[in-house]
Amino acid sequence: MKEAGLKYDIGKARLDLIPAKAEIELGNVLTFGANKYAENSWQNVDDAINRYTAAAMRHINAMRQGETHDLESGLLHSAHAACNMMFVTELINQG
Protein backbone atom coordinates (compact mmCIF):
# COMPACT_ATOMS: atom_id res chain seq x y z
CA MET A 1 0.00 0.00 0.00
CA LYS A 2 1.27 3.45 -0.92
CA GLU A 3 2.05 5.89 1.83
CA ALA A 4 0.07 9.15 1.71
CA GLY A 5 2.02 11.99 0.13
CA LEU A 6 2.52 15.34 1.79
CA LYS A 7 1.56 18.69 0.34
CA TYR A 8 1.91 21.86 2.41
CA ASP A 9 -0.57 24.27 0.90
CA ILE A 10 -2.55 25.51 3.90
CA GLY A 11 -2.71 29.29 3.87
CA LYS A 12 -1.86 29.54 0.17
CA ALA A 13 -4.18 31.21 -2.32
CA ARG A 14 -6.88 28.85 -3.64
CA LEU A 15 -6.69 29.80 -7.30
CA ASP A 16 -8.90 26.82 -8.08
CA LEU A 17 -11.76 28.82 -6.53
CA ILE A 18 -11.74 31.38 -9.35
CA PRO A 19 -14.90 30.68 -11.34
CA ALA A 20 -13.97 29.22 -14.74
CA LYS A 21 -16.45 31.28 -16.79
CA ALA A 22 -15.33 34.52 -15.16
CA GLU A 23 -11.70 33.59 -15.79
CA ILE A 24 -12.47 33.01 -19.49
CA GLU A 25 -14.35 36.34 -19.74
CA LEU A 26 -11.39 38.10 -18.14
CA GLY A 27 -9.10 36.42 -20.66
CA ASN A 28 -11.37 37.61 -23.46
CA VAL A 29 -11.07 41.21 -22.26
CA LEU A 30 -7.29 40.89 -21.95
CA THR A 31 -7.08 39.44 -25.47
CA PHE A 32 -9.21 42.28 -26.85
CA GLY A 33 -6.95 44.81 -25.13
CA ALA A 34 -3.76 43.12 -26.33
CA ASN A 35 -5.05 43.21 -29.90
CA LYS A 36 -6.25 46.82 -29.66
CA TYR A 37 -3.19 48.25 -27.88
CA ALA A 38 -0.33 45.83 -27.20
CA GLU A 39 0.29 42.99 -24.78
CA ASN A 40 0.71 44.28 -21.24
CA SER A 41 0.69 47.93 -22.33
CA TRP A 42 -1.58 48.68 -19.36
CA GLN A 43 1.55 48.54 -17.18
CA ASN A 44 2.90 51.72 -18.80
CA VAL A 45 -0.15 54.00 -18.68
CA ASP A 46 0.36 57.35 -16.92
CA ASP A 47 -1.75 57.83 -13.78
CA ALA A 48 -2.89 54.25 -14.30
CA ILE A 49 -4.57 53.64 -10.94
CA ASN A 50 -6.89 56.61 -11.34
CA ARG A 51 -7.55 55.97 -15.01
CA TYR A 52 -8.31 52.26 -14.60
CA THR A 53 -10.51 52.99 -11.59
CA ALA A 54 -12.44 55.50 -13.71
CA ALA A 55 -12.73 52.97 -16.55
CA ALA A 56 -14.09 50.34 -14.16
CA MET A 57 -16.62 52.86 -12.88
CA ARG A 58 -17.77 53.62 -16.44
CA HIS A 59 -18.40 49.93 -17.09
CA ILE A 60 -20.24 49.56 -13.79
CA ASN A 61 -22.30 52.64 -14.58
CA ALA A 62 -23.28 51.16 -17.95
CA MET A 63 -24.35 47.98 -16.16
CA ARG A 64 -26.41 49.99 -13.70
CA GLN A 65 -28.20 51.51 -16.68
CA GLY A 66 -29.11 48.06 -17.96
CA GLU A 67 -26.33 47.45 -20.50
CA THR A 68 -24.73 44.02 -20.26
CA HIS A 69 -22.17 44.19 -23.07
CA ASP A 70 -19.65 46.84 -24.10
CA LEU A 71 -20.58 48.26 -27.50
CA GLU A 72 -17.03 48.34 -28.87
CA SER A 73 -15.79 44.92 -27.79
CA GLY A 74 -19.07 43.02 -27.48
CA LEU A 75 -17.76 41.66 -24.18
CA LEU A 76 -19.40 41.86 -20.78
CA HIS A 77 -19.15 45.17 -18.95
CA SER A 78 -18.66 43.15 -15.76
CA ALA A 79 -15.56 41.48 -17.26
CA HIS A 80 -14.19 44.85 -18.38
CA ALA A 81 -14.74 46.27 -14.87
CA ALA A 82 -13.10 43.22 -13.29
CA CYS A 83 -10.13 43.55 -15.62
CA ASN A 84 -9.68 47.22 -14.81
CA MET A 85 -9.79 46.52 -11.09
CA MET A 86 -7.34 43.64 -11.55
CA PHE A 87 -4.95 46.17 -13.11
CA VAL A 88 -5.49 48.53 -10.16
CA THR A 89 -4.84 45.68 -7.71
CA GLU A 90 -1.65 44.71 -9.52
CA LEU A 91 -0.40 48.30 -9.70
CA ILE A 92 -1.09 48.93 -6.00
CA ASN A 93 0.84 45.77 -5.11
CA GLN A 94 3.79 46.84 -7.26
CA GLY A 95 4.05 50.13 -5.37
PDB file of N, CA and C in Angstrom:
ATOM      1  N   MET A   1       0.849  -1.188   0.000  1.00  0.00           N
ATOM      2  CA  MET A   1       0.000   0.000   0.000  1.00  0.00           C
ATOM      3  C   MET A   1       0.887   1.241   0.000  1.00  0.00           C
ATOM      4  N   LYS A   2       0.509   2.208  -0.829  1.00  0.00           N
ATOM      5  CA  LYS A   2       1.269   3.454  -0.919  1.00  0.00           C
ATOM      6  C   LYS A   2       1.060   4.298   0.314  1.00  0.00           C
ATOM      7  N   GLU A   3       2.128   4.938   0.717  1.00  0.00           N
ATOM      8  CA  GLU A   3       2.054   5.888   1.827  1.00  0.00           C
ATOM      9  C   GLU A   3       1.482   7.205   1.303  1.00  0.00           C
ATOM     10  N   ALA A   4       0.664   7.876   2.105  1.00  0.00           N
ATOM     11  CA  ALA A   4       0.071   9.155   1.706  1.00  0.00           C
ATOM     12  C   ALA A   4       1.168  10.193   1.492  1.00  0.00           C
ATOM     13  N   GLY A   5       1.057  10.934   0.414  1.00  0.00           N
ATOM     14  CA  GLY A   5       2.016  11.993   0.133  1.00  0.00           C
ATOM     15  C   GLY A   5       1.704  13.234   0.949  1.00  0.00           C
ATOM     16  N   LEU A   6       2.682  14.090   1.062  1.00  0.00           N
ATOM     17  CA  LEU A   6       2.522  15.338   1.793  1.00  0.00           C
ATOM     18  C   LEU A   6       2.486  16.505   0.821  1.00  0.00           C
ATOM     19  N   LYS A   7       1.660  17.459   1.137  1.00  0.00           N
ATOM     20  CA  LYS A   7       1.565  18.686   0.336  1.00  0.00           C
ATOM     21  C   LYS A   7       1.211  19.808   1.293  1.00  0.00           C
ATOM     22  N   TYR A   8       2.116  20.740   1.481  1.00  0.00           N
ATOM     23  CA  TYR A   8       1.911  21.857   2.406  1.00  0.00           C
ATOM     24  C   TYR A   8       1.361  23.057   1.647  1.00  0.00           C
ATOM     25  N   ASP A   9       0.032  23.156   1.609  1.00  0.00           N
ATOM     26  CA  ASP A   9      -0.573  24.272   0.898  1.00  0.00           C
ATOM     27  C   ASP A   9      -1.593  25.035   1.738  1.00  0.00           C
ATOM     28  N   ILE A  10      -1.646  24.767   3.012  1.00  0.00           N
ATOM     29  CA  ILE A  10      -2.545  25.506   3.898  1.00  0.00           C
ATOM     30  C   ILE A  10      -2.080  26.964   3.962  1.00  0.00           C
ATOM     31  N   GLY A  11      -3.019  27.869   3.826  1.00  0.00           N
ATOM     32  CA  GLY A  11      -2.706  29.291   3.872  1.00  0.00           C
ATOM     33  C   GLY A  11      -2.298  29.878   2.529  1.00  0.00           C
ATOM     34  N   LYS A  12      -2.206  29.040   1.502  1.00  0.00           N
ATOM     35  CA  LYS A  12      -1.861  29.538   0.166  1.00  0.00           C
ATOM     36  C   LYS A  12      -3.140  29.874  -0.595  1.00  0.00           C
ATOM     37  N   ALA A  13      -3.026  30.776  -1.539  1.00  0.00           N
ATOM     38  CA  ALA A  13      -4.180  31.209  -2.325  1.00  0.00           C
ATOM     39  C   ALA A  13      -4.804  30.024  -3.056  1.00  0.00           C
ATOM     40  N   ARG A  14      -6.122  29.916  -2.971  1.00  0.00           N
ATOM     41  CA  ARG A  14      -6.884  28.851  -3.636  1.00  0.00           C
ATOM     42  C   ARG A  14      -7.323  29.336  -5.011  1.00  0.00           C
ATOM     43  N   LEU A  15      -6.389  29.322  -5.954  1.00  0.00           N
ATOM     44  CA  LEU A  15      -6.686  29.800  -7.295  1.00  0.00           C
ATOM     45  C   LEU A  15      -7.713  28.923  -8.000  1.00  0.00           C
ATOM     46  N   ASP A  16      -7.882  27.704  -7.513  1.00  0.00           N
ATOM     47  CA  ASP A  16      -8.900  26.819  -8.083  1.00  0.00           C
ATOM     48  C   ASP A  16     -10.313  27.290  -7.763  1.00  0.00           C
ATOM     49  N   LEU A  17     -10.450  28.279  -6.876  1.00  0.00           N
ATOM     50  CA  LEU A  17     -11.764  28.818  -6.526  1.00  0.00           C
ATOM     51  C   LEU A  17     -12.227  29.922  -7.478  1.00  0.00           C
ATOM     52  N   ILE A  18     -11.346  30.368  -8.360  1.00  0.00           N
ATOM     53  CA  ILE A  18     -11.736  31.379  -9.346  1.00  0.00           C
ATOM     54  C   ILE A  18     -12.717  30.725 -10.310  1.00  0.00           C
ATOM     55  N   PRO A  19     -13.917  31.290 -10.446  1.00  0.00           N
ATOM     56  CA  PRO A  19     -14.900  30.683 -11.342  1.00  0.00           C
ATOM     57  C   PRO A  19     -14.386  30.621 -12.779  1.00  0.00           C
ATOM     58  N   ALA A  20     -14.529  29.465 -13.406  1.00  0.00           N
ATOM     59  CA  ALA A  20     -13.970  29.225 -14.736  1.00  0.00           C
ATOM     60  C   ALA A  20     -14.536  30.173 -15.791  1.00  0.00           C
ATOM     61  N   LYS A  21     -15.855  30.407 -15.775  1.00  0.00           N
ATOM     62  CA  LYS A  21     -16.450  31.279 -16.789  1.00  0.00           C
ATOM     63  C   LYS A  21     -15.960  32.718 -16.628  1.00  0.00           C
ATOM     64  N   ALA A  22     -15.835  33.174 -15.397  1.00  0.00           N
ATOM     65  CA  ALA A  22     -15.325  34.523 -15.157  1.00  0.00           C
ATOM     66  C   ALA A  22     -13.872  34.628 -15.609  1.00  0.00           C
ATOM     67  N   GLU A  23     -13.100  33.592 -15.369  1.00  0.00           N
ATOM     68  CA  GLU A  23     -11.698  33.590 -15.791  1.00  0.00           C
ATOM     69  C   GLU A  23     -11.599  33.680 -17.314  1.00  0.00           C
ATOM     70  N   ILE A  24     -12.455  32.955 -18.023  1.00  0.00           N
ATOM     71  CA  ILE A  24     -12.475  33.008 -19.492  1.00  0.00           C
ATOM     72  C   ILE A  24     -12.874  34.404 -19.968  1.00  0.00           C
ATOM     73  N   GLU A  25     -13.909  34.993 -19.348  1.00  0.00           N
ATOM     74  CA  GLU A  25     -14.347  36.338 -19.741  1.00  0.00           C
ATOM     75  C   GLU A  25     -13.239  37.366 -19.516  1.00  0.00           C
ATOM     76  N   LEU A  26     -12.522  37.229 -18.418  1.00  0.00           N
ATOM     77  CA  LEU A  26     -11.385  38.104 -18.141  1.00  0.00           C
ATOM     78  C   LEU A  26     -10.312  37.931 -19.217  1.00  0.00           C
ATOM     79  N   GLY A  27     -10.052  36.694 -19.583  1.00  0.00           N
ATOM     80  CA  GLY A  27      -9.101  36.416 -20.662  1.00  0.00           C
ATOM     81  C   GLY A  27      -9.538  37.019 -21.983  1.00  0.00           C
ATOM     82  N   ASN A  28     -10.847  36.997 -22.228  1.00  0.00           N
ATOM     83  CA  ASN A  28     -11.367  37.608 -23.463  1.00  0.00           C
ATOM     84  C   ASN A  28     -11.111  39.113 -23.484  1.00  0.00           C
ATOM     85  N   VAL A  29     -11.319  39.766 -22.348  1.00  0.00           N
ATOM     86  CA  VAL A  29     -11.066  41.215 -22.265  1.00  0.00           C
ATOM     87  C   VAL A  29      -9.574  41.497 -22.446  1.00  0.00           C
ATOM     88  N   LEU A  30      -8.729  40.702 -21.808  1.00  0.00           N
ATOM     89  CA  LEU A  30      -7.285  40.892 -21.950  1.00  0.00           C
ATOM     90  C   LEU A  30      -6.831  40.676 -23.389  1.00  0.00           C
ATOM     91  N   THR A  31      -7.414  39.696 -24.067  1.00  0.00           N
ATOM     92  CA  THR A  31      -7.081  39.441 -25.471  1.00  0.00           C
ATOM     93  C   THR A  31      -7.519  40.608 -26.352  1.00  0.00           C
ATOM     94  N   PHE A  32      -8.724  41.114 -26.103  1.00  0.00           N
ATOM     95  CA  PHE A  32      -9.206  42.280 -26.853  1.00  0.00           C
ATOM     96  C   PHE A  32      -8.250  43.456 -26.667  1.00  0.00           C
ATOM     97  N   GLY A  33      -7.858  43.712 -25.414  1.00  0.00           N
ATOM     98  CA  GLY A  33      -6.946  44.813 -25.127  1.00  0.00           C
ATOM     99  C   GLY A  33      -5.578  44.625 -25.756  1.00  0.00           C
ATOM    100  N   ALA A  34      -5.072  43.398 -25.727  1.00  0.00           N
ATOM    101  CA  ALA A  34      -3.762  43.121 -26.328  1.00  0.00           C
ATOM    102  C   ALA A  34      -3.794  43.360 -27.835  1.00  0.00           C
ATOM    103  N   ASN A  35      -4.915  43.002 -28.461  1.00  0.00           N
ATOM    104  CA  ASN A  35      -5.045  43.213 -29.904  1.00  0.00           C
ATOM    105  C   ASN A  35      -5.253  44.683 -30.245  1.00  0.00           C
ATOM    106  N   LYS A  36      -5.968  45.407 -29.400  1.00  0.00           N
ATOM    107  CA  LYS A  36      -6.251  46.823 -29.660  1.00  0.00           C
ATOM    108  C   LYS A  36      -5.030  47.699 -29.386  1.00  0.00           C
ATOM    109  N   TYR A  37      -4.334  47.427 -28.297  1.00  0.00           N
ATOM    110  CA  TYR A  37      -3.192  48.250 -27.881  1.00  0.00           C
ATOM    111  C   TYR A  37      -1.896  47.481 -28.110  1.00  0.00           C
ATOM    112  N   ALA A  38      -1.495  46.711 -27.128  1.00  0.00           N
ATOM    113  CA  ALA A  38      -0.331  45.831 -27.199  1.00  0.00           C
ATOM    114  C   ALA A  38      -0.359  44.994 -25.931  1.00  0.00           C
ATOM    115  N   GLU A  39       0.255  43.836 -25.974  1.00  0.00           N
ATOM    116  CA  GLU A  39       0.292  42.992 -24.784  1.00  0.00           C
ATOM    117  C   GLU A  39       0.912  43.738 -23.614  1.00  0.00           C
ATOM    118  N   ASN A  40       0.221  43.715 -22.500  1.00  0.00           N
ATOM    119  CA  ASN A  40       0.705  44.283 -21.238  1.00  0.00           C
ATOM    120  C   ASN A  40       0.985  45.789 -21.280  1.00  0.00           C
ATOM    121  N   SER A  41       0.450  46.486 -22.260  1.00  0.00           N
ATOM    122  CA  SER A  41       0.693  47.930 -22.334  1.00  0.00           C
ATOM    123  C   SER A  41       0.046  48.683 -21.173  1.00  0.00           C
ATOM    124  N   TRP A  42      -0.926  48.051 -20.513  1.00  0.00           N
ATOM    125  CA  TRP A  42      -1.583  48.681 -19.360  1.00  0.00           C
ATOM    126  C   TRP A  42      -0.574  49.018 -18.260  1.00  0.00           C
ATOM    127  N   GLN A  43       0.541  48.324 -18.224  1.00  0.00           N
ATOM    128  CA  GLN A  43       1.546  48.539 -17.182  1.00  0.00           C
ATOM    129  C   GLN A  43       2.277  49.866 -17.344  1.00  0.00           C
ATOM    130  N   ASN A  44       2.144  50.497 -18.515  1.00  0.00           N
ATOM    131  CA  ASN A  44       2.901  51.716 -18.803  1.00  0.00           C
ATOM    132  C   ASN A  44       2.024  52.952 -18.967  1.00  0.00           C
ATOM    133  N   VAL A  45       0.774  52.867 -18.544  1.00  0.00           N
ATOM    134  CA  VAL A  45      -0.153  53.995 -18.681  1.00  0.00           C
ATOM    135  C   VAL A  45       0.103  55.006 -17.566  1.00  0.00           C
ATOM    136  N   ASP A  46       0.193  56.292 -17.926  1.00  0.00           N
ATOM    137  CA  ASP A  46       0.363  57.355 -16.924  1.00  0.00           C
ATOM    138  C   ASP A  46      -0.867  57.443 -16.043  1.00  0.00           C
ATOM    139  N   ASP A  47      -0.663  57.688 -14.751  1.00  0.00           N
ATOM    140  CA  ASP A  47      -1.749  57.832 -13.780  1.00  0.00           C
ATOM    141  C   ASP A  47      -2.702  56.639 -13.856  1.00  0.00           C
ATOM    142  N   ALA A  48      -2.131  55.456 -14.005  1.00  0.00           N
ATOM    143  CA  ALA A  48      -2.893  54.246 -14.302  1.00  0.00           C
ATOM    144  C   ALA A  48      -3.933  53.890 -13.245  1.00  0.00           C
ATOM    145  N   ILE A  49      -3.610  54.020 -11.981  1.00  0.00           N
ATOM    146  CA  ILE A  49      -4.569  53.636 -10.943  1.00  0.00           C
ATOM    147  C   ILE A  49      -5.845  54.457 -11.060  1.00  0.00           C
ATOM    148  N   ASN A  50      -5.708  55.760 -11.201  1.00  0.00           N
ATOM    149  CA  ASN A  50      -6.892  56.612 -11.339  1.00  0.00           C
ATOM    150  C   ASN A  50      -7.632  56.342 -12.640  1.00  0.00           C
ATOM    151  N   ARG A  51      -6.908  56.155 -13.711  1.00  0.00           N
ATOM    152  CA  ARG A  51      -7.547  55.967 -15.013  1.00  0.00           C
ATOM    153  C   ARG A  51      -8.253  54.621 -15.115  1.00  0.00           C
ATOM    154  N   TYR A  52      -7.654  53.567 -14.557  1.00  0.00           N
ATOM    155  CA  TYR A  52      -8.309  52.257 -14.599  1.00  0.00           C
ATOM    156  C   TYR A  52      -9.470  52.186 -13.607  1.00  0.00           C
ATOM    157  N   THR A  53      -9.372  52.903 -12.501  1.00  0.00           N
ATOM    158  CA  THR A  53     -10.514  52.987 -11.589  1.00  0.00           C
ATOM    159  C   THR A  53     -11.681  53.677 -12.283  1.00  0.00           C
ATOM    160  N   ALA A  54     -11.403  54.778 -12.979  1.00  0.00           N
ATOM    161  CA  ALA A  54     -12.442  55.495 -13.711  1.00  0.00           C
ATOM    162  C   ALA A  54     -13.053  54.616 -14.806  1.00  0.00           C
ATOM    163  N   ALA A  55     -12.223  53.863 -15.497  1.00  0.00           N
ATOM    164  CA  ALA A  55     -12.726  52.970 -16.551  1.00  0.00           C
ATOM    165  C   ALA A  55     -13.647  51.903 -15.962  1.00  0.00           C
ATOM    166  N   ALA A  56     -13.246  51.331 -14.830  1.00  0.00           N
ATOM    167  CA  ALA A  56     -14.092  50.339 -14.161  1.00  0.00           C
ATOM    168  C   ALA A  56     -15.432  50.959 -13.782  1.00  0.00           C
ATOM    169  N   MET A  57     -15.385  52.167 -13.273  1.00  0.00           N
ATOM    170  CA  MET A  57     -16.616  52.855 -12.877  1.00  0.00           C
ATOM    171  C   MET A  57     -17.532  53.100 -14.076  1.00  0.00           C
ATOM    172  N   ARG A  58     -16.950  53.417 -15.237  1.00  0.00           N
ATOM    173  CA  ARG A  58     -17.773  53.619 -16.439  1.00  0.00           C
ATOM    174  C   ARG A  58     -18.485  52.330 -16.836  1.00  0.00           C
ATOM    175  N   HIS A  59     -17.782  51.214 -16.759  1.00  0.00           N
ATOM    176  CA  HIS A  59     -18.400  49.927 -17.090  1.00  0.00           C
ATOM    177  C   HIS A  59     -19.491  49.572 -16.074  1.00  0.00           C
ATOM    178  N   ILE A  60     -19.231  49.822 -14.822  1.00  0.00           N
ATOM    179  CA  ILE A  60     -20.237  49.556 -13.789  1.00  0.00           C
ATOM    180  C   ILE A  60     -21.447  50.462 -13.989  1.00  0.00           C
ATOM    181  N   ASN A  61     -21.202  51.712 -14.321  1.00  0.00           N
ATOM    182  CA  ASN A  61     -22.301  52.642 -14.576  1.00  0.00           C
ATOM    183  C   ASN A  61     -23.160  52.166 -15.747  1.00  0.00           C
ATOM    184  N   ALA A  62     -22.525  51.683 -16.797  1.00  0.00           N
ATOM    185  CA  ALA A  62     -23.277  51.159 -17.948  1.00  0.00           C
ATOM    186  C   ALA A  62     -24.134  49.973 -17.522  1.00  0.00           C
ATOM    187  N   MET A  63     -23.593  49.117 -16.677  1.00  0.00           N
ATOM    188  CA  MET A  63     -24.352  47.979 -16.164  1.00  0.00           C
ATOM    189  C   MET A  63     -25.554  48.456 -15.351  1.00  0.00           C
ATOM    190  N   ARG A  64     -25.336  49.461 -14.532  1.00  0.00           N
ATOM    191  CA  ARG A  64     -26.414  49.994 -13.699  1.00  0.00           C
ATOM    192  C   ARG A  64     -27.533  50.570 -14.546  1.00  0.00           C
ATOM    193  N   GLN A  65     -27.195  50.978 -15.761  1.00  0.00           N
ATOM    194  CA  GLN A  65     -28.199  51.512 -16.677  1.00  0.00           C
ATOM    195  C   GLN A  65     -28.833  50.419 -17.544  1.00  0.00           C
ATOM    196  N   GLY A  66     -28.478  49.175 -17.267  1.00  0.00           N
ATOM    197  CA  GLY A  66     -29.109  48.055 -17.955  1.00  0.00           C
ATOM    198  C   GLY A  66     -28.337  47.455 -19.111  1.00  0.00           C
ATOM    199  N   GLU A  67     -27.161  48.003 -19.424  1.00  0.00           N
ATOM    200  CA  GLU A  67     -26.335  47.449 -20.502  1.00  0.00           C
ATOM    201  C   GLU A  67     -25.547  46.264 -19.968  1.00  0.00           C
ATOM    202  N   THR A  68     -25.522  45.174 -20.692  1.00  0.00           N
ATOM    203  CA  THR A  68     -24.731  44.024 -20.258  1.00  0.00           C
ATOM    204  C   THR A  68     -23.387  43.941 -20.977  1.00  0.00           C
ATOM    205  N   HIS A  69     -23.374  44.352 -22.248  1.00  0.00           N
ATOM    206  CA  HIS A  69     -22.174  44.195 -23.068  1.00  0.00           C
ATOM    207  C   HIS A  69     -21.641  45.548 -23.552  1.00  0.00           C
ATOM    208  N   ASP A  70     -20.330  45.655 -23.574  1.00  0.00           N
ATOM    209  CA  ASP A  70     -19.649  46.838 -24.098  1.00  0.00           C
ATOM    210  C   ASP A  70     -19.894  46.925 -25.606  1.00  0.00           C
ATOM    211  N   LEU A  71     -20.249  48.091 -26.080  1.00  0.00           N
ATOM    212  CA  LEU A  71     -20.582  48.256 -27.496  1.00  0.00           C
ATOM    213  C   LEU A  71     -19.380  48.031 -28.419  1.00  0.00           C
ATOM    214  N   GLU A  72     -18.208  48.470 -28.002  1.00  0.00           N
ATOM    215  CA  GLU A  72     -17.025  48.342 -28.869  1.00  0.00           C
ATOM    216  C   GLU A  72     -16.534  46.898 -28.951  1.00  0.00           C
ATOM    217  N   SER A  73     -16.385  46.252 -27.811  1.00  0.00           N
ATOM    218  CA  SER A  73     -15.790  44.918 -27.786  1.00  0.00           C
ATOM    219  C   SER A  73     -16.811  43.796 -27.915  1.00  0.00           C
ATOM    220  N   GLY A  74     -18.053  44.072 -27.517  1.00  0.00           N
ATOM    221  CA  GLY A  74     -19.065  43.022 -27.478  1.00  0.00           C
ATOM    222  C   GLY A  74     -18.942  42.124 -26.258  1.00  0.00           C
ATOM    223  N   LEU A  75     -18.014  42.464 -25.381  1.00  0.00           N
ATOM    224  CA  LEU A  75     -17.764  41.657 -24.180  1.00  0.00           C
ATOM    225  C   LEU A  75     -18.515  42.240 -22.990  1.00  0.00           C
ATOM    226  N   LEU A  76     -18.655  41.446 -21.963  1.00  0.00           N
ATOM    227  CA  LEU A  76     -19.403  41.860 -20.781  1.00  0.00           C
ATOM    228  C   LEU A  76     -18.774  43.072 -20.092  1.00  0.00           C
ATOM    229  N   HIS A  77     -19.625  44.033 -19.747  1.00  0.00           N
ATOM    230  CA  HIS A  77     -19.152  45.166 -18.952  1.00  0.00           C
ATOM    231  C   HIS A  77     -18.560  44.674 -17.634  1.00  0.00           C
ATOM    232  N   SER A  78     -19.158  43.659 -17.041  1.00  0.00           N
ATOM    233  CA  SER A  78     -18.656  43.146 -15.765  1.00  0.00           C
ATOM    234  C   SER A  78     -17.229  42.619 -15.901  1.00  0.00           C
ATOM    235  N   ALA A  79     -16.921  41.989 -17.029  1.00  0.00           N
ATOM    236  CA  ALA A  79     -15.562  41.483 -17.257  1.00  0.00           C
ATOM    237  C   ALA A  79     -14.584  42.633 -17.475  1.00  0.00           C
ATOM    238  N   HIS A  80     -15.030  43.673 -18.196  1.00  0.00           N
ATOM    239  CA  HIS A  80     -14.185  44.853 -18.378  1.00  0.00           C
ATOM    240  C   HIS A  80     -13.894  45.506 -17.021  1.00  0.00           C
ATOM    241  N   ALA A  81     -14.925  45.653 -16.195  1.00  0.00           N
ATOM    242  CA  ALA A  81     -14.742  46.267 -14.873  1.00  0.00           C
ATOM    243  C   ALA A  81     -13.791  45.424 -14.026  1.00  0.00           C
ATOM    244  N   ALA A  82     -13.978  44.115 -14.057  1.00  0.00           N
ATOM    245  CA  ALA A  82     -13.101  43.223 -13.287  1.00  0.00           C
ATOM    246  C   ALA A  82     -11.655  43.330 -13.761  1.00  0.00           C
ATOM    247  N   CYS A  83     -11.473  43.430 -15.060  1.00  0.00           N
ATOM    248  CA  CYS A  83     -10.127  43.548 -15.619  1.00  0.00           C
ATOM    249  C   CYS A  83      -9.470  44.849 -15.178  1.00  0.00           C
ATOM    250  N   ASN A  84     -10.224  45.941 -15.249  1.00  0.00           N
ATOM    251  CA  ASN A  84      -9.680  47.222 -14.814  1.00  0.00           C
ATOM    252  C   ASN A  84      -9.284  47.184 -13.342  1.00  0.00           C
ATOM    253  N   MET A  85     -10.111  46.585 -12.516  1.00  0.00           N
ATOM    254  CA  MET A  85      -9.794  46.517 -11.088  1.00  0.00           C
ATOM    255  C   MET A  85      -8.645  45.543 -10.819  1.00  0.00           C
ATOM    256  N   MET A  86      -8.498  44.529 -11.667  1.00  0.00           N
ATOM    257  CA  MET A  86      -7.341  43.644 -11.553  1.00  0.00           C
ATOM    258  C   MET A  86      -6.064  44.434 -11.816  1.00  0.00           C
ATOM    259  N   PHE A  87      -6.104  45.311 -12.829  1.00  0.00           N
ATOM    260  CA  PHE A  87      -4.949  46.165 -13.106  1.00  0.00           C
ATOM    261  C   PHE A  87      -4.641  47.052 -11.905  1.00  0.00           C
ATOM    262  N   VAL A  88      -5.669  47.667 -11.331  1.00  0.00           N
ATOM    263  CA  VAL A  88      -5.489  48.529 -10.157  1.00  0.00           C
ATOM    264  C   VAL A  88      -4.861  47.728  -9.024  1.00  0.00           C
ATOM    265  N   THR A  89      -5.375  46.532  -8.787  1.00  0.00           N
ATOM    266  CA  THR A  89      -4.839  45.679  -7.707  1.00  0.00           C
ATOM    267  C   THR A  89      -3.370  45.376  -7.946  1.00  0.00           C
ATOM    268  N   GLU A  90      -3.040  45.025  -9.177  1.00  0.00           N
ATOM    269  CA  GLU A  90      -1.650  44.708  -9.524  1.00  0.00           C
ATOM    270  C   GLU A  90      -0.748  45.925  -9.341  1.00  0.00           C
ATOM    271  N   LEU A  91      -1.208  47.084  -9.788  1.00  0.00           N
ATOM    272  CA  LEU A  91      -0.403  48.304  -9.698  1.00  0.00           C
ATOM    273  C   LEU A  91      -0.210  48.735  -8.237  1.00  0.00           C
ATOM    274  N   ILE A  92      -1.230  48.587  -7.424  1.00  0.00           N
ATOM    275  CA  ILE A  92      -1.090  48.926  -6.002  1.00  0.00           C
ATOM    276  C   ILE A  92      -0.055  47.999  -5.352  1.00  0.00           C
ATOM    277  N   ASN A  93      -0.087  46.732  -5.702  1.00  0.00           N
ATOM    278  CA  ASN A  93       0.843  45.767  -5.111  1.00  0.00           C
ATOM    279  C   ASN A  93       2.263  45.900  -5.634  1.00  0.00           C
ATOM    280  N   GLN A  94       2.436  46.596  -6.751  1.00  0.00           N
ATOM    281  CA  GLN A  94       3.788  46.841  -7.261  1.00  0.00           C
ATOM    282  C   GLN A  94       4.451  48.002  -6.524  1.00  0.00           C
ATOM    283  N   GLY A  95       3.595  48.902  -5.988  1.00  0.00           N
ATOM    284  CA  GLY A  95       4.051  50.133  -5.370  1.00  0.00           C
ATOM    285  C   GLY A  95       4.988  49.936  -4.254  1.00  0.00           C
TER     286      GLY A  95
END
